[in-house]
Amino acid sequence: MQRKRRNRRKKINKRILRCELSYITPDDYHPDLETQERLFPGFRAICIHLFVAMDVDEGIPLKIPRDKADAIKTVSAYRVLLTESTFYQIVRLPEALKQTIWDHIDNDVEDERLEEQASDLLYSCVRRAEKEMDISMVQNMSQVKMIWHAIKGAYGRQFEISNEVIFDNFDEVSDTP
């Protein structure tokens, strides 16, 4: 008798989850410095996530729920999945192009030509990631909630932040997630 294989989603990279958690929480609620240093996501993850977040802030191609809490969760899950998909697109690049992106991030060289080339490459990776990404994941609120709980627990359950703290942070900043 053959077992049915479940169509399971692979785990989301903890580094990406930590980047998103840092992005959505107030500074006062981040884990202690020792924990942040020990579980530091790395400059590459931070830079790619911020690049994706800036792109998402310009607009996303899906319907956002009216409820503020669901909207914040949905956009946050979308950023995480798009960041993960963008990394996948970068890894698929030819070695020389991939190295251009990593050199720019790792060395932070003040060469405008290299910066422009790396930005163009990253932008094209984000666009390809958007086209290939499974949007149904962020249209299903049960999936969004699973990703949301993974984000909140990215540093461990002992550092988990309440929804209210995160949602209140968006009241102070703006009304959009």
Protein backbone atom coordinates (compact mmCIF):
# COMPACT_ATOMS: atom_id res chain seq x y z
CA MET A 1 0.00 0.00 0.00
CA GLN A 2 1.37 3.34 -1.01
CA ARG A 3 1.19 6.28 1.35
CA LYS A 4 -0.16 9.52 0.07
CA ARG A 5 2.42 12.23 0.13
CA ARG A 6 1.26 15.45 1.64
CA ASN A 7 1.90 18.58 -0.26
CA ARG A 8 3.76 20.32 2.53
CA ARG A 9 5.30 23.72 2.39
CA LYS A 10 8.94 23.69 3.28
CA LYS A 11 10.07 25.68 6.26
CA ILE A 12 10.73 29.35 5.77
CA ASN A 13 14.30 30.41 6.39
CA LYS A 14 14.66 31.71 9.97
CA ARG A 15 16.94 34.51 8.80
CA ILE A 16 14.16 35.92 6.65
CA LEU A 17 11.66 35.56 9.48
CA ARG A 18 14.01 37.46 11.82
CA CYS A 19 14.43 40.24 9.25
CA GLU A 20 10.66 40.61 8.98
CA LEU A 21 10.22 40.55 12.76
CA SER A 22 12.77 43.34 13.11
CA TYR A 23 11.03 45.25 10.34
CA ILE A 24 7.59 45.20 11.98
CA THR A 25 8.40 45.60 15.69
CA PRO A 26 9.38 48.70 17.64
CA ASP A 27 13.02 48.87 18.71
CA ASP A 28 12.09 48.61 22.40
CA TYR A 29 10.75 45.09 21.86
CA HIS A 30 13.69 43.47 20.11
CA PRO A 31 15.44 40.63 21.98
CA ASP A 32 18.44 41.46 24.14
CA LEU A 33 21.67 42.37 22.34
CA GLU A 34 23.34 39.01 23.08
CA THR A 35 20.44 37.11 21.49
CA GLN A 36 20.38 39.45 18.49
CA GLU A 37 24.11 38.94 17.94
CA ARG A 38 23.89 35.17 18.37
CA LEU A 39 20.95 34.86 15.98
CA PHE A 40 21.97 37.67 13.60
CA PRO A 41 20.39 36.97 10.19
CA GLY A 42 23.39 38.27 8.23
CA PHE A 43 23.92 41.29 6.04
CA ARG A 44 22.82 39.54 2.86
CA ALA A 45 19.46 38.56 4.33
CA ILE A 46 18.94 42.03 5.80
CA CYS A 47 19.83 43.83 2.56
CA ILE A 48 17.70 41.60 0.34
CA HIS A 49 14.77 41.82 2.76
CA LEU A 50 14.99 45.63 2.91
CA PHE A 51 15.17 45.81 -0.88
CA VAL A 52 12.06 43.63 -1.13
CA ALA A 53 10.31 45.61 1.63
CA MET A 54 10.92 48.89 -0.21
CA ASP A 55 9.47 47.31 -3.36
CA VAL A 56 6.44 45.98 -1.47
CA ASP A 57 5.86 49.41 0.07
CA GLU A 58 5.24 50.69 -3.46
CA GLY A 59 2.35 48.24 -3.84
CA ILE A 60 1.54 44.56 -4.03
CA PRO A 61 -0.50 42.67 -6.62
CA LEU A 62 -3.14 41.21 -4.32
CA LYS A 63 -6.26 42.19 -2.49
CA ILE A 64 -5.53 43.29 1.08
CA PRO A 65 -8.13 42.46 3.77
CA ARG A 66 -10.08 45.38 5.22
CA ASP A 67 -9.38 44.33 8.79
CA LYS A 68 -6.21 46.10 9.95
CA ALA A 69 -4.80 43.08 11.78
CA ASP A 70 -5.37 40.76 8.81
CA ALA A 71 -3.91 43.37 6.44
CA ILE A 72 -0.71 43.66 8.49
CA LYS A 73 -0.39 39.88 8.71
CA THR A 74 -1.02 39.44 4.97
CA VAL A 75 1.49 42.06 3.88
CA SER A 76 4.06 40.71 6.33
CA ALA A 77 3.59 37.15 5.03
CA TYR A 78 3.83 38.44 1.47
CA ARG A 79 7.15 40.20 2.24
CA VAL A 80 8.55 37.01 3.76
CA LEU A 81 7.52 34.81 0.84
CA LEU A 82 8.71 37.34 -1.72
CA THR A 83 12.08 37.68 0.04
CA GLU A 84 12.46 33.90 0.07
CA SER A 85 11.52 33.70 -3.59
CA THR A 86 13.93 36.53 -4.44
CA PHE A 87 16.80 34.60 -2.83
CA TYR A 88 15.84 31.65 -4.98
CA GLN A 89 15.98 33.86 -8.09
CA ILE A 90 19.41 35.20 -7.10
CA VAL A 91 20.76 31.68 -6.63
CA ARG A 92 19.53 30.80 -10.12
CA LEU A 93 21.55 33.63 -11.73
CA PRO A 94 24.76 32.86 -13.57
CA GLU A 95 27.71 32.92 -11.20
CA ALA A 96 29.11 36.27 -12.43
CA LEU A 97 25.78 38.08 -11.97
CA LYS A 98 25.15 36.46 -8.62
CA GLN A 99 28.63 37.52 -7.52
CA THR A 100 27.90 41.11 -8.58
CA ILE A 101 25.00 41.22 -6.11
CA TRP A 102 26.97 39.57 -3.29
CA ASP A 103 30.02 41.78 -3.88
CA HIS A 104 27.87 44.88 -3.69
CA ILE A 105 26.21 43.75 -0.43
CA ASP A 106 29.33 42.30 1.21
CA ASN A 107 31.74 45.10 0.32
CA ASP A 108 29.41 48.11 0.19
CA VAL A 109 31.69 49.62 -2.44
CA GLU A 110 31.01 53.24 -3.35
CA ASP A 111 31.12 52.46 -7.06
CA GLU A 112 27.96 53.90 -8.68
CA ARG A 113 28.24 51.62 -11.70
CA LEU A 114 28.40 48.49 -9.51
CA GLU A 115 25.56 49.79 -7.32
CA GLU A 116 23.34 50.47 -10.34
CA GLN A 117 24.11 47.09 -11.89
CA ALA A 118 23.44 45.26 -8.59
CA SER A 119 20.20 47.21 -8.06
CA ASP A 120 19.01 46.40 -11.57
CA LEU A 121 19.81 42.72 -11.04
CA LEU A 122 18.01 42.68 -7.70
CA TYR A 123 15.00 44.46 -9.16
CA SER A 124 14.76 41.90 -11.97
CA CYS A 125 15.04 39.06 -9.43
CA VAL A 126 12.18 40.55 -7.40
CA ARG A 127 10.04 40.86 -10.54
CA ARG A 128 10.73 37.23 -11.52
CA ALA A 129 10.02 36.16 -7.94
CA GLU A 130 6.65 37.96 -8.03
CA LYS A 131 5.71 36.25 -11.29
CA GLU A 132 6.66 32.78 -10.05
CA MET A 133 5.41 33.13 -6.47
CA ASP A 134 2.36 31.17 -5.37
CA ILE A 135 -0.03 34.01 -4.45
CA SER A 136 -2.57 31.55 -3.04
CA MET A 137 -0.41 31.27 0.08
CA VAL A 138 -1.19 34.85 1.09
CA GLN A 139 -4.82 34.69 0.00
CA ASN A 140 -5.52 31.87 2.45
CA MET A 141 -5.78 33.36 5.96
CA SER A 142 -4.91 30.06 7.65
CA GLN A 143 -1.61 30.01 5.72
CA VAL A 144 -1.04 33.68 6.53
CA LYS A 145 -1.59 32.99 10.23
CA MET A 146 0.90 30.10 10.16
CA ILE A 147 3.51 32.38 8.59
CA TRP A 148 2.59 35.15 11.06
CA HIS A 149 3.23 32.85 14.04
CA ALA A 150 6.53 31.76 12.50
CA ILE A 151 7.54 35.43 12.18
CA LYS A 152 6.60 36.23 15.76
CA GLY A 153 8.55 33.20 17.02
CA ALA A 154 11.64 33.80 14.86
CA TYR A 155 13.86 34.46 17.90
CA GLY A 156 12.15 31.78 20.00
CA ARG A 157 8.89 31.73 21.88
CA GLN A 158 10.44 33.39 24.94
CA PHE A 159 10.93 36.56 22.85
CA GLU A 160 7.55 36.45 21.11
CA ILE A 161 5.87 39.84 20.87
CA SER A 162 2.13 40.33 21.23
CA ASN A 163 0.00 41.28 18.26
CA GLU A 164 -1.11 44.44 20.04
CA VAL A 165 2.47 45.77 20.30
CA ILE A 166 3.01 45.19 16.59
CA PHE A 167 -0.35 46.61 15.54
CA ASP A 168 0.10 49.66 17.81
CA ASN A 169 3.45 50.27 16.12
CA PHE A 170 1.59 50.64 12.81
CA ASP A 171 -0.79 53.16 14.40
CA GLU A 172 2.20 55.34 15.29
CA VAL A 173 3.93 55.02 11.92
CA SER A 174 1.00 55.06 9.49
CA ASP A 175 -2.25 53.38 8.68
CA THR A 176 -0.75 51.13 6.01
CA PRO A 177 1.19 47.92 6.70
